[in-house]
Structures are given as structure tokens and as C-alpha cells.
Amino acid sequence: MQSLRPRTAHIEFVFNDGDDGHPLLGLLAHLDAVRTVGVEAGNGYSRSRPAAVKRRYAYDRDIIRAIDALGGFFPDASNADRWTELGNVDVVFLDEQGHVLGATVTHEALLIGR
């Protein structure tokens, strides 16, 4: 993921179970975000998800710190828990033109990179 950092202009979080009361929002409250309800197919999503909430932030190191504070993207392989405190949230790294550089697929514990 460190190789993405120099090219990352925006980070999107897709809250698959909604964003109400999510701990990430408290950690990022000082940053501006664009909030969208509903995610269309594309950027790694094969189908639309009208109930998902997407928040898009300009890249900031505090975002990476917040992800780390919540336990990272995925739990350790030896951990029986399915999620870290980040929960069922996909993360998409975008360049200046909005092209996907990399993404997580949380429910499948996948990292996708270009």
C-alpha cells in the first residue's frame, strides 16, 4: 500500500452497512468529505448498492493513521473475528483523475492494486 501513497489524491470509504455512528468518522471529523448515499457499479463494484454510503476525502496522512488505529483493513489471520474495528468498509485509493489505484474488498479480505 505504501507504493500507492505518492499517487493517491483521494481516498473513498464505502460503508456497506451505513455510516451512522461509525468510529472512523470521529477520527476524521476534522477533514472535509463528500458524502454520497448509494454506490453505482464501477470502480471495482460489479453491481450498484443503493444503501451503501460513500465518503470521499482528499488524501491526508491522518486517514492512514485512523485506519491503523482501528486495527487496519483486515484482522490478523490467526484472529477468529471477521472484521477489525473498521468493519465492513471498503477503501478505494484514487489518483488525481479519479482512476482507481487500489482498493480493498473487505468481505473477501482482498487487496486489489493496479
PDB file of N, CA and C in Angstrom:
ATOM      1  N   MET A   1       0.818  -1.186   0.000  1.00  0.00           N
ATOM      2  CA  MET A   1       0.000   0.000   0.000  1.00  0.00           C
ATOM      3  C   MET A   1       0.871   1.263   0.000  1.00  0.00           C
ATOM      4  N   GLN A   2       2.085   1.162   0.530  1.00  0.00           N
ATOM      5  CA  GLN A   2       2.949   2.342   0.555  1.00  0.00           C
ATOM      6  C   GLN A   2       3.279   2.830  -0.845  1.00  0.00           C
ATOM      7  N   SER A   3       3.317   1.910  -1.815  1.00  0.00           N
ATOM      8  CA  SER A   3       3.636   2.326  -3.186  1.00  0.00           C
ATOM      9  C   SER A   3       2.526   3.188  -3.785  1.00  0.00           C
ATOM     10  N   LEU A   4       1.317   3.129  -3.245  1.00  0.00           N
ATOM     11  CA  LEU A   4       0.209   3.941  -3.750  1.00  0.00           C
ATOM     12  C   LEU A   4       0.273   5.378  -3.256  1.00  0.00           C
ATOM     13  N   ARG A   5       0.892   5.586  -2.117  1.00  0.00           N
ATOM     14  CA  ARG A   5       0.828   6.886  -1.450  1.00  0.00           C
ATOM     15  C   ARG A   5       1.249   8.064  -2.327  1.00  0.00           C
ATOM     16  N   PRO A   6       2.354   8.002  -3.066  1.00  0.00           N
ATOM     17  CA  PRO A   6       2.738   9.182  -3.854  1.00  0.00           C
ATOM     18  C   PRO A   6       1.728   9.551  -4.945  1.00  0.00           C
ATOM     19  N   ARG A   7       0.950   8.591  -5.405  1.00  0.00           N
ATOM     20  CA  ARG A   7      -0.002   8.853  -6.488  1.00  0.00           C
ATOM     21  C   ARG A   7      -1.430   9.065  -5.995  1.00  0.00           C
ATOM     22  N   THR A   8      -1.679   8.852  -4.714  1.00  0.00           N
ATOM     23  CA  THR A   8      -3.034   8.942  -4.185  1.00  0.00           C
ATOM     24  C   THR A   8      -3.435  10.390  -3.949  1.00  0.00           C
ATOM     25  N   ALA A   9      -4.552  10.788  -4.572  1.00  0.00           N
ATOM     26  CA  ALA A   9      -5.100  12.135  -4.387  1.00  0.00           C
ATOM     27  C   ALA A   9      -6.344  12.101  -3.504  1.00  0.00           C
ATOM     28  N   HIS A  10      -7.103  11.006  -3.586  1.00  0.00           N
ATOM     29  CA  HIS A  10      -8.333  10.867  -2.810  1.00  0.00           C
ATOM     30  C   HIS A  10      -8.454   9.446  -2.270  1.00  0.00           C
ATOM     31  N   ILE A  11      -9.154   9.340  -1.150  1.00  0.00           N
ATOM     32  CA  ILE A  11      -9.482   8.038  -0.577  1.00  0.00           C
ATOM     33  C   ILE A  11     -10.981   8.020  -0.341  1.00  0.00           C
ATOM     34  N   GLU A  12     -11.620   6.969  -0.826  1.00  0.00           N
ATOM     35  CA  GLU A  12     -13.053   6.789  -0.616  1.00  0.00           C
ATOM     36  C   GLU A  12     -13.290   5.620   0.323  1.00  0.00           C
ATOM     37  N   PHE A  13     -14.222   5.805   1.220  1.00  0.00           N
ATOM     38  CA  PHE A  13     -14.666   4.743   2.111  1.00  0.00           C
ATOM     39  C   PHE A  13     -16.089   4.398   1.717  1.00  0.00           C
ATOM     40  N   VAL A  14     -16.344   3.128   1.487  1.00  0.00           N
ATOM     41  CA  VAL A  14     -17.696   2.668   1.184  1.00  0.00           C
ATOM     42  C   VAL A  14     -18.180   1.890   2.397  1.00  0.00           C
ATOM     43  N   PHE A  15     -19.097   2.503   3.123  1.00  0.00           N
ATOM     44  CA  PHE A  15     -19.672   1.915   4.333  1.00  0.00           C
ATOM     45  C   PHE A  15     -20.826   1.014   3.896  1.00  0.00           C
ATOM     46  N   ASN A  16     -20.558  -0.276   3.769  1.00  0.00           N
ATOM     47  CA  ASN A  16     -21.552  -1.210   3.248  1.00  0.00           C
ATOM     48  C   ASN A  16     -22.762  -1.365   4.160  1.00  0.00           C
ATOM     49  N   ASP A  17     -22.580  -1.098   5.446  1.00  0.00           N
ATOM     50  CA  ASP A  17     -23.676  -1.207   6.413  1.00  0.00           C
ATOM     51  C   ASP A  17     -24.103   0.162   6.929  1.00  0.00           C
ATOM     52  N   GLY A  18     -23.833   1.214   6.188  1.00  0.00           N
ATOM     53  CA  GLY A  18     -24.160   2.568   6.606  1.00  0.00           C
ATOM     54  C   GLY A  18     -23.053   3.164   7.464  1.00  0.00           C
ATOM     55  N   ASP A  19     -23.098   4.485   7.639  1.00  0.00           N
ATOM     56  CA  ASP A  19     -22.035   5.166   8.383  1.00  0.00           C
ATOM     57  C   ASP A  19     -22.489   5.736   9.716  1.00  0.00           C
ATOM     58  N   ASP A  20     -23.718   5.506  10.114  1.00  0.00           N
ATOM     59  CA  ASP A  20     -24.226   6.032  11.381  1.00  0.00           C
ATOM     60  C   ASP A  20     -23.383   5.533  12.557  1.00  0.00           C
ATOM     61  N   GLY A  21     -22.782   6.461  13.276  1.00  0.00           N
ATOM     62  CA  GLY A  21     -22.014   6.133  14.474  1.00  0.00           C
ATOM     63  C   GLY A  21     -20.715   5.387  14.226  1.00  0.00           C
ATOM     64  N   HIS A  22     -20.260   5.322  13.008  1.00  0.00           N
ATOM     65  CA  HIS A  22     -19.029   4.584  12.719  1.00  0.00           C
ATOM     66  C   HIS A  22     -17.834   5.294  13.369  1.00  0.00           C
ATOM     67  N   PRO A  23     -16.938   4.550  14.048  1.00  0.00           N
ATOM     68  CA  PRO A  23     -15.808   5.176  14.746  1.00  0.00           C
ATOM     69  C   PRO A  23     -14.838   5.924  13.825  1.00  0.00           C
ATOM     70  N   LEU A  24     -14.760   5.545  12.564  1.00  0.00           N
ATOM     71  CA  LEU A  24     -13.866   6.230  11.628  1.00  0.00           C
ATOM     72  C   LEU A  24     -14.249   7.700  11.486  1.00  0.00           C
ATOM     73  N   LEU A  25     -15.538   7.989  11.515  1.00  0.00           N
ATOM     74  CA  LEU A  25     -15.993   9.364  11.315  1.00  0.00           C
ATOM     75  C   LEU A  25     -15.505  10.286  12.429  1.00  0.00           C
ATOM     76  N   GLY A  26     -15.460   9.791  13.644  1.00  0.00           N
ATOM     77  CA  GLY A  26     -14.923  10.593  14.741  1.00  0.00           C
ATOM     78  C   GLY A  26     -13.448  10.882  14.560  1.00  0.00           C
ATOM     79  N   LEU A  27     -12.704   9.897  14.071  1.00  0.00           N
ATOM     80  CA  LEU A  27     -11.271  10.070  13.861  1.00  0.00           C
ATOM     81  C   LEU A  27     -10.960  11.029  12.715  1.00  0.00           C
ATOM     82  N   LEU A  28     -11.906  11.160  11.771  1.00  0.00           N
ATOM     83  CA  LEU A  28     -11.689  12.011  10.600  1.00  0.00           C
ATOM     84  C   LEU A  28     -12.570  13.260  10.613  1.00  0.00           C
ATOM     85  N   ALA A  29     -13.162  13.578  11.751  1.00  0.00           N
ATOM     86  CA  ALA A  29     -14.104  14.704  11.840  1.00  0.00           C
ATOM     87  C   ALA A  29     -13.480  16.038  11.425  1.00  0.00           C
ATOM     88  N   HIS A  30     -12.180  16.182  11.549  1.00  0.00           N
ATOM     89  CA  HIS A  30     -11.503  17.434  11.198  1.00  0.00           C
ATOM     90  C   HIS A  30     -11.235  17.562   9.696  1.00  0.00           C
ATOM     91  N   LEU A  31     -11.541  16.525   8.928  1.00  0.00           N
ATOM     92  CA  LEU A  31     -11.318  16.554   7.478  1.00  0.00           C
ATOM     93  C   LEU A  31     -12.650  16.707   6.743  1.00  0.00           C
ATOM     94  N   ASP A  32     -12.625  17.424   5.628  1.00  0.00           N
ATOM     95  CA  ASP A  32     -13.820  17.573   4.799  1.00  0.00           C
ATOM     96  C   ASP A  32     -14.013  16.331   3.945  1.00  0.00           C
ATOM     97  N   ALA A  33     -15.276  15.947   3.776  1.00  0.00           N
ATOM     98  CA  ALA A  33     -15.601  14.787   2.947  1.00  0.00           C
ATOM     99  C   ALA A  33     -16.868  15.069   2.156  1.00  0.00           C
ATOM    100  N   VAL A  34     -16.961  14.413   1.015  1.00  0.00           N
ATOM    101  CA  VAL A  34     -18.195  14.426   0.241  1.00  0.00           C
ATOM    102  C   VAL A  34     -18.908  13.119   0.550  1.00  0.00           C
ATOM    103  N   ARG A  35     -20.151  13.221   1.016  1.00  0.00           N
ATOM    104  CA  ARG A  35     -20.933  12.032   1.396  1.00  0.00           C
ATOM    105  C   ARG A  35     -21.975  11.761   0.327  1.00  0.00           C
ATOM    106  N   THR A  36     -22.025  10.510  -0.118  1.00  0.00           N
ATOM    107  CA  THR A  36     -22.977  10.073  -1.123  1.00  0.00           C
ATOM    108  C   THR A  36     -23.684   8.826  -0.623  1.00  0.00           C
ATOM    109  N   VAL A  37     -24.995   8.804  -0.755  1.00  0.00           N
ATOM    110  CA  VAL A  37     -25.749   7.597  -0.413  1.00  0.00           C
ATOM    111  C   VAL A  37     -26.004   6.846  -1.710  1.00  0.00           C
ATOM    112  N   GLY A  38     -25.605   5.590  -1.720  1.00  0.00           N
ATOM    113  CA  GLY A  38     -25.731   4.756  -2.912  1.00  0.00           C
ATOM    114  C   GLY A  38     -24.428   4.719  -3.683  1.00  0.00           C
ATOM    115  N   VAL A  39     -24.060   3.536  -4.115  1.00  0.00           N
ATOM    116  CA  VAL A  39     -22.837   3.336  -4.883  1.00  0.00           C
ATOM    117  C   VAL A  39     -23.223   2.635  -6.174  1.00  0.00           C
ATOM    118  N   GLU A  40     -22.841   3.232  -7.269  1.00  0.00           N
ATOM    119  CA  GLU A  40     -23.127   2.642  -8.577  1.00  0.00           C
ATOM    120  C   GLU A  40     -22.081   1.579  -8.923  1.00  0.00           C
ATOM    121  N   ALA A  41     -22.407   0.737  -9.870  1.00  0.00           N
ATOM    122  CA  ALA A  41     -21.441  -0.241 -10.372  1.00  0.00           C
ATOM    123  C   ALA A  41     -20.266   0.513 -10.991  1.00  0.00           C
ATOM    124  N   GLY A  42     -19.087  -0.046 -10.866  1.00  0.00           N
ATOM    125  CA  GLY A  42     -17.881   0.591 -11.388  1.00  0.00           C
ATOM    126  C   GLY A  42     -16.864   0.745 -10.279  1.00  0.00           C
ATOM    127  N   ASN A  43     -15.651   1.149 -10.634  1.00  0.00           N
ATOM    128  CA  ASN A  43     -14.554   1.284  -9.664  1.00  0.00           C
ATOM    129  C   ASN A  43     -14.441   0.051  -8.781  1.00  0.00           C
ATOM    130  N   GLY A  44     -14.557  -1.116  -9.388  1.00  0.00           N
ATOM    131  CA  GLY A  44     -14.386  -2.360  -8.646  1.00  0.00           C
ATOM    132  C   GLY A  44     -15.669  -2.984  -8.147  1.00  0.00           C
ATOM    133  N   TYR A  45     -16.800  -2.300  -8.340  1.00  0.00           N
ATOM    134  CA  TYR A  45     -18.087  -2.831  -7.873  1.00  0.00           C
ATOM    135  C   TYR A  45     -18.878  -3.345  -9.073  1.00  0.00           C
ATOM    136  N   SER A  46     -19.234  -4.626  -9.031  1.00  0.00           N
ATOM    137  CA  SER A  46     -19.926  -5.229 -10.165  1.00  0.00           C
ATOM    138  C   SER A  46     -21.412  -4.886 -10.207  1.00  0.00           C
ATOM    139  N   ARG A  47     -21.956  -4.437  -9.069  1.00  0.00           N
ATOM    140  CA  ARG A  47     -23.385  -4.082  -9.044  1.00  0.00           C
ATOM    141  C   ARG A  47     -23.569  -2.848  -8.170  1.00  0.00           C
ATOM    142  N   SER A  48     -24.673  -2.149  -8.383  1.00  0.00           N
ATOM    143  CA  SER A  48     -24.938  -0.974  -7.556  1.00  0.00           C
ATOM    144  C   SER A  48     -25.413  -1.415  -6.171  1.00  0.00           C
ATOM    145  N   ARG A  49     -25.174  -0.563  -5.196  1.00  0.00           N
ATOM    146  CA  ARG A  49     -25.605  -0.818  -3.817  1.00  0.00           C
ATOM    147  C   ARG A  49     -26.259   0.459  -3.298  1.00  0.00           C
ATOM    148  N   PRO A  50     -27.581   0.555  -3.447  1.00  0.00           N
ATOM    149  CA  PRO A  50     -28.266   1.802  -3.103  1.00  0.00           C
ATOM    150  C   PRO A  50     -28.215   2.171  -1.620  1.00  0.00           C
ATOM    151  N   ALA A  51     -27.995   1.225  -0.725  1.00  0.00           N
ATOM    152  CA  ALA A  51     -27.985   1.527   0.709  1.00  0.00           C
ATOM    153  C   ALA A  51     -26.591   1.847   1.244  1.00  0.00           C
ATOM    154  N   ALA A  52     -25.560   1.576   0.480  1.00  0.00           N
ATOM    155  CA  ALA A  52     -24.194   1.851   0.942  1.00  0.00           C
ATOM    156  C   ALA A  52     -23.954   3.362   0.961  1.00  0.00           C
ATOM    157  N   VAL A  53     -23.072   3.801   1.857  1.00  0.00           N
ATOM    158  CA  VAL A  53     -22.722   5.212   1.968  1.00  0.00           C
ATOM    159  C   VAL A  53     -21.243   5.353   1.607  1.00  0.00           C
ATOM    160  N   LYS A  54     -20.965   6.313   0.738  1.00  0.00           N
ATOM    161  CA  LYS A  54     -19.583   6.561   0.321  1.00  0.00           C
ATOM    162  C   LYS A  54     -19.160   7.936   0.841  1.00  0.00           C
ATOM    163  N   ARG A  55     -17.963   7.994   1.383  1.00  0.00           N
ATOM    164  CA  ARG A  55     -17.368   9.266   1.801  1.00  0.00           C
ATOM    165  C   ARG A  55     -16.016   9.397   1.108  1.00  0.00           C
ATOM    166  N   ARG A  56     -15.832  10.517   0.426  1.00  0.00           N
ATOM    167  CA  ARG A  56     -14.599  10.766  -0.319  1.00  0.00           C
ATOM    168  C   ARG A  56     -13.824  11.895   0.345  1.00  0.00           C
ATOM    169  N   TYR A  57     -12.549  11.622   0.629  1.00  0.00           N
ATOM    170  CA  TYR A  57     -11.657  12.576   1.273  1.00  0.00           C
ATOM    171  C   TYR A  57     -10.470  12.860   0.363  1.00  0.00           C
ATOM    172  N   ALA A  58      -9.952  14.083   0.416  1.00  0.00           N
ATOM    173  CA  ALA A  58      -8.644  14.356  -0.179  1.00  0.00           C
ATOM    174  C   ALA A  58      -7.627  13.592   0.659  1.00  0.00           C
ATOM    175  N   TYR A  59      -6.587  13.075   0.026  1.00  0.00           N
ATOM    176  CA  TYR A  59      -5.592  12.301   0.762  1.00  0.00           C
ATOM    177  C   TYR A  59      -5.008  13.128   1.898  1.00  0.00           C
ATOM    178  N   ASP A  60      -4.895  12.490   3.045  1.00  0.00           N
ATOM    179  CA  ASP A  60      -4.284  13.093   4.224  1.00  0.00           C
ATOM    180  C   ASP A  60      -3.704  11.944   5.044  1.00  0.00           C
ATOM    181  N   ARG A  61      -2.527  12.134   5.604  1.00  0.00           N
ATOM    182  CA  ARG A  61      -1.908  11.064   6.406  1.00  0.00           C
ATOM    183  C   ARG A  61      -2.758  10.667   7.604  1.00  0.00           C
ATOM    184  N   ASP A  62      -3.585  11.587   8.098  1.00  0.00           N
ATOM    185  CA  ASP A  62      -4.462  11.248   9.218  1.00  0.00           C
ATOM    186  C   ASP A  62      -5.436  10.127   8.863  1.00  0.00           C
ATOM    187  N   ILE A  63      -5.732   9.970   7.594  1.00  0.00           N
ATOM    188  CA  ILE A  63      -6.614   8.872   7.172  1.00  0.00           C
ATOM    189  C   ILE A  63      -5.927   7.532   7.411  1.00  0.00           C
ATOM    190  N   ILE A  64      -4.665   7.443   7.045  1.00  0.00           N
ATOM    191  CA  ILE A  64      -3.908   6.212   7.251  1.00  0.00           C
ATOM    192  C   ILE A  64      -3.759   5.932   8.749  1.00  0.00           C
ATOM    193  N   ARG A  65      -3.504   6.968   9.519  1.00  0.00           N
ATOM    194  CA  ARG A  65      -3.406   6.812  10.974  1.00  0.00           C
ATOM    195  C   ARG A  65      -4.725   6.303  11.558  1.00  0.00           C
ATOM    196  N   ALA A  66      -5.845   6.815  11.052  1.00  0.00           N
ATOM    197  CA  ALA A  66      -7.162   6.384  11.540  1.00  0.00           C
ATOM    198  C   ALA A  66      -7.413   4.915  11.212  1.00  0.00           C
ATOM    199  N   ILE A  67      -7.062   4.493  10.006  1.00  0.00           N
ATOM    200  CA  ILE A  67      -7.220   3.084   9.627  1.00  0.00           C
ATOM    201  C   ILE A  67      -6.379   2.199  10.555  1.00  0.00           C
ATOM    202  N   ASP A  68      -5.149   2.616  10.803  1.00  0.00           N
ATOM    203  CA  ASP A  68      -4.276   1.868  11.716  1.00  0.00           C
ATOM    204  C   ASP A  68      -4.866   1.811  13.123  1.00  0.00           C
ATOM    205  N   ALA A  69      -5.406   2.937  13.597  1.00  0.00           N
ATOM    206  CA  ALA A  69      -5.981   2.986  14.940  1.00  0.00           C
ATOM    207  C   ALA A  69      -7.160   2.031  15.094  1.00  0.00           C
ATOM    208  N   LEU A  70      -7.849   1.755  13.994  1.00  0.00           N
ATOM    209  CA  LEU A  70      -8.997   0.841  14.022  1.00  0.00           C
ATOM    210  C   LEU A  70      -8.589  -0.609  13.766  1.00  0.00           C
ATOM    211  N   GLY A  71      -7.304  -0.861  13.667  1.00  0.00           N
ATOM    212  CA  GLY A  71      -6.833  -2.237  13.505  1.00  0.00           C
ATOM    213  C   GLY A  71      -6.485  -2.630  12.094  1.00  0.00           C
ATOM    214  N   GLY A  72      -6.458  -1.667  11.179  1.00  0.00           N
ATOM    215  CA  GLY A  72      -6.104  -1.959   9.801  1.00  0.00           C
ATOM    216  C   GLY A  72      -7.304  -2.399   8.977  1.00  0.00           C
ATOM    217  N   PHE A  73      -7.008  -2.870   7.785  1.00  0.00           N
ATOM    218  CA  PHE A  73      -8.068  -3.290   6.858  1.00  0.00           C
ATOM    219  C   PHE A  73      -8.679  -4.633   7.245  1.00  0.00           C
ATOM    220  N   PHE A  74      -7.813  -5.576   7.613  1.00  0.00           N
ATOM    221  CA  PHE A  74      -8.263  -6.938   7.871  1.00  0.00           C
ATOM    222  C   PHE A  74      -7.654  -7.444   9.174  1.00  0.00           C
ATOM    223  N   PRO A  75      -8.352  -8.333   9.882  1.00  0.00           N
ATOM    224  CA  PRO A  75      -7.765  -8.885  11.105  1.00  0.00           C
ATOM    225  C   PRO A  75      -6.607  -9.826  10.777  1.00  0.00           C
ATOM    226  N   ASP A  76      -5.750 -10.034  11.744  1.00  0.00           N
ATOM    227  CA  ASP A  76      -4.666 -10.990  11.616  1.00  0.00           C
ATOM    228  C   ASP A  76      -5.255 -12.359  11.266  1.00  0.00           C
ATOM    229  N   ALA A  77      -4.561 -13.120  10.458  1.00  0.00           N
ATOM    230  CA  ALA A  77      -5.064 -14.432  10.011  1.00  0.00           C
ATOM    231  C   ALA A  77      -5.377 -15.367  11.174  1.00  0.00           C
ATOM    232  N   SER A  78      -4.696 -15.213  12.294  1.00  0.00           N
ATOM    233  CA  SER A  78      -4.939 -16.088  13.438  1.00  0.00           C
ATOM    234  C   SER A  78      -6.154 -15.649  14.262  1.00  0.00           C
ATOM    235  N   ASN A  79      -6.710 -14.483  13.949  1.00  0.00           N
ATOM    236  CA  ASN A  79      -7.849 -13.936  14.685  1.00  0.00           C
ATOM    237  C   ASN A  79      -9.147 -14.527  14.136  1.00  0.00           C
ATOM    238  N   ALA A  80     -10.017 -14.982  15.008  1.00  0.00           N
ATOM    239  CA  ALA A  80     -11.290 -15.578  14.586  1.00  0.00           C
ATOM    240  C   ALA A  80     -12.318 -14.524  14.188  1.00  0.00           C
ATOM    241  N   ASP A  81     -12.093 -13.256  14.567  1.00  0.00           N
ATOM    242  CA  ASP A  81     -13.033 -12.204  14.200  1.00  0.00           C
ATOM    243  C   ASP A  81     -12.979 -11.958  12.701  1.00  0.00           C
ATOM    244  N   ARG A  82     -14.136 -11.645  12.120  1.00  0.00           N
ATOM    245  CA  ARG A  82     -14.198 -11.402  10.681  1.00  0.00           C
ATOM    246  C   ARG A  82     -13.720 -10.000  10.318  1.00  0.00           C
ATOM    247  N   TRP A  83     -13.898  -9.032  11.235  1.00  0.00           N
ATOM    248  CA  TRP A  83     -13.606  -7.635  10.926  1.00  0.00           C
ATOM    249  C   TRP A  83     -12.666  -7.030  11.954  1.00  0.00           C
ATOM    250  N   THR A  84     -11.935  -5.996  11.551  1.00  0.00           N
ATOM    251  CA  THR A  84     -11.278  -5.103  12.504  1.00  0.00           C
ATOM    252  C   THR A  84     -12.342  -4.079  12.916  1.00  0.00           C
ATOM    253  N   GLU A  85     -11.957  -3.071  13.682  1.00  0.00           N
ATOM    254  CA  GLU A  85     -12.919  -2.032  14.046  1.00  0.00           C
ATOM    255  C   GLU A  85     -13.322  -1.181  12.842  1.00  0.00           C
ATOM    256  N   LEU A  86     -12.595  -1.283  11.742  1.00  0.00           N
ATOM    257  CA  LEU A  86     -13.005  -0.597  10.513  1.00  0.00           C
ATOM    258  C   LEU A  86     -14.326  -1.185  10.017  1.00  0.00           C
ATOM    259  N   GLY A  87     -14.542  -2.448  10.290  1.00  0.00           N
ATOM    260  CA  GLY A  87     -15.811  -3.084   9.935  1.00  0.00           C
ATOM    261  C   GLY A  87     -15.940  -3.377   8.450  1.00  0.00           C
ATOM    262  N   ASN A  88     -17.170  -3.457   7.997  1.00  0.00           N
ATOM    263  CA  ASN A  88     -17.475  -3.804   6.614  1.00  0.00           C
ATOM    264  C   ASN A  88     -17.408  -2.547   5.742  1.00  0.00           C
ATOM    265  N   VAL A  89     -16.199  -2.011   5.646  1.00  0.00           N
ATOM    266  CA  VAL A  89     -15.951  -0.780   4.904  1.00  0.00           C
ATOM    267  C   VAL A  89     -14.886  -1.064   3.858  1.00  0.00           C
ATOM    268  N   ASP A  90     -15.221  -0.808   2.598  1.00  0.00           N
ATOM    269  CA  ASP A  90     -14.240  -0.933   1.527  1.00  0.00           C
ATOM    270  C   ASP A  90     -13.519   0.403   1.386  1.00  0.00           C
ATOM    271  N   VAL A  91     -12.256   0.348   0.991  1.00  0.00           N
ATOM    272  CA  VAL A  91     -11.441   1.551   0.850  1.00  0.00           C
ATOM    273  C   VAL A  91     -10.897   1.584  -0.569  1.00  0.00           C
ATOM    274  N   VAL A  92     -11.057   2.738  -1.232  1.00  0.00           N
ATOM    275  CA  VAL A  92     -10.616   2.891  -2.619  1.00  0.00           C
ATOM    276  C   VAL A  92      -9.631   4.052  -2.679  1.00  0.00           C
ATOM    277  N   PHE A  93      -8.473   3.809  -3.273  1.00  0.00           N
ATOM    278  CA  PHE A  93      -7.436   4.822  -3.449  1.00  0.00           C
ATOM    279  C   PHE A  93      -7.497   5.304  -4.890  1.00  0.00           C
ATOM    280  N   LEU A  94      -7.614   6.632  -5.067  1.00  0.00           N
ATOM    281  CA  LEU A  94      -7.797   7.225  -6.394  1.00  0.00           C
ATOM    282  C   LEU A  94      -6.683   8.226  -6.703  1.00  0.00           C
ATOM    283  N   ASP A  95      -6.327   8.324  -7.992  1.00  0.00           N
ATOM    284  CA  ASP A  95      -5.345   9.325  -8.397  1.00  0.00           C
ATOM    285  C   ASP A  95      -6.048  10.643  -8.704  1.00  0.00           C
ATOM    286  N   GLU A  96      -5.310  11.631  -9.180  1.00  0.00           N
ATOM    287  CA  GLU A  96      -5.854  12.971  -9.459  1.00  0.00           C
ATOM    288  C   GLU A  96      -7.000  12.941 -10.466  1.00  0.00           C
ATOM    289  N   GLN A  97      -6.969  12.025 -11.420  1.00  0.00           N
ATOM    290  CA  GLN A  97      -8.013  11.931 -12.436  1.00  0.00           C
ATOM    291  C   GLN A  97      -9.202  11.083 -11.996  1.00  0.00           C
ATOM    292  N   GLY A  98      -9.137  10.526 -10.796  1.00  0.00           N
ATOM    293  CA  GLY A  98     -10.223   9.686 -10.306  1.00  0.00           C
ATOM    294  C   GLY A  98     -10.095   8.228 -10.699  1.00  0.00           C
ATOM    295  N   HIS A  99      -8.948   7.831 -11.241  1.00  0.00           N
ATOM    296  CA  HIS A  99      -8.718   6.436 -11.593  1.00  0.00           C
ATOM    297  C   HIS A  99      -8.335   5.646 -10.347  1.00  0.00           C
ATOM    298  N   VAL A 100      -8.817   4.428 -10.270  1.00  0.00           N
ATOM    299  CA  VAL A 100      -8.539   3.573  -9.116  1.00  0.00           C
ATOM    300  C   VAL A 100      -7.092   3.092  -9.164  1.00  0.00           C
ATOM    301  N   LEU A 101      -6.383   3.323  -8.069  1.00  0.00           N
ATOM    302  CA  LEU A 101      -5.017   2.821  -7.910  1.00  0.00           C
ATOM    303  C   LEU A 101      -5.012   1.497  -7.164  1.00  0.00           C
ATOM    304  N   GLY A 102      -5.943   1.360  -6.242  1.00  0.00           N
ATOM    305  CA  GLY A 102      -6.047   0.159  -5.429  1.00  0.00           C
ATOM    306  C   GLY A 102      -7.306   0.222  -4.595  1.00  0.00           C
ATOM    307  N   ALA A 103      -7.733  -0.930  -4.118  1.00  0.00           N
ATOM    308  CA  ALA A 103      -8.960  -0.982  -3.321  1.00  0.00           C
ATOM    309  C   ALA A 103      -8.943  -2.219  -2.439  1.00  0.00           C
ATOM    310  N   THR A 104      -9.750  -2.165  -1.394  1.00  0.00           N
ATOM    311  CA  THR A 104      -9.974  -3.340  -0.566  1.00  0.00           C
ATOM    312  C   THR A 104     -11.376  -3.861  -0.852  1.00  0.00           C
ATOM    313  N   VAL A 105     -11.542  -5.153  -0.735  1.00  0.00           N
ATOM    314  CA  VAL A 105     -12.860  -5.782  -0.756  1.00  0.00           C
ATOM    315  C   VAL A 105     -12.944  -6.490   0.589  1.00  0.00           C
ATOM    316  N   THR A 106     -13.513  -5.789   1.556  1.00  0.00           N
ATOM    317  CA  THR A 106     -13.422  -6.197   2.947  1.00  0.00           C
ATOM    318  C   THR A 106     -14.033  -7.562   3.211  1.00  0.00           C
ATOM    319  N   HIS A 107     -15.215  -7.823   2.674  1.00  0.00           N
ATOM    320  CA  HIS A 107     -15.878  -9.095   2.997  1.00  0.00           C
ATOM    321  C   HIS A 107     -15.151 -10.297   2.414  1.00  0.00           C
ATOM    322  N   GLU A 108     -14.234 -10.060   1.476  1.00  0.00           N
ATOM    323  CA  GLU A 108     -13.443 -11.151   0.908  1.00  0.00           C
ATOM    324  C   GLU A 108     -11.976 -11.076   1.331  1.00  0.00           C
ATOM    325  N   ALA A 109     -11.634 -10.100   2.165  1.00  0.00           N
ATOM    326  CA  ALA A 109     -10.260  -9.889   2.637  1.00  0.00           C
ATOM    327  C   ALA A 109      -9.282  -9.770   1.475  1.00  0.00           C
ATOM    328  N   LEU A 110      -9.661  -8.974   0.479  1.00  0.00           N
ATOM    329  CA  LEU A 110      -8.835  -8.782  -0.717  1.00  0.00           C
ATOM    330  C   LEU A 110      -8.285  -7.381  -0.818  1.00  0.00           C
ATOM    331  N   LEU A 111      -7.059  -7.284  -1.324  1.00  0.00           N
ATOM    332  CA  LEU A 111      -6.469  -6.025  -1.747  1.00  0.00           C
ATOM    333  C   LEU A 111      -6.310  -6.099  -3.247  1.00  0.00           C
ATOM    334  N   ILE A 112      -6.784  -5.093  -3.937  1.00  0.00           N
ATOM    335  CA  ILE A 112      -6.684  -5.044  -5.395  1.00  0.00           C
ATOM    336  C   ILE A 112      -5.837  -3.830  -5.755  1.00  0.00           C
ATOM    337  N   GLY A 113      -4.827  -4.029  -6.572  1.00  0.00           N
ATOM    338  CA  GLY A 113      -3.973  -2.923  -6.975  1.00  0.00           C
ATOM    339  C   GLY A 113      -3.746  -2.910  -8.463  1.00  0.00           C
ATOM    340  N   ARG A 114      -3.369  -1.747  -8.933  1.00  0.00           N
ATOM    341  CA  ARG A 114      -3.040  -1.596 -10.354  1.00  0.00           C
ATOM    342  C   ARG A 114      -1.559  -1.534 -10.524  1.00  0.00           C
TER     343      ARG A 114
END
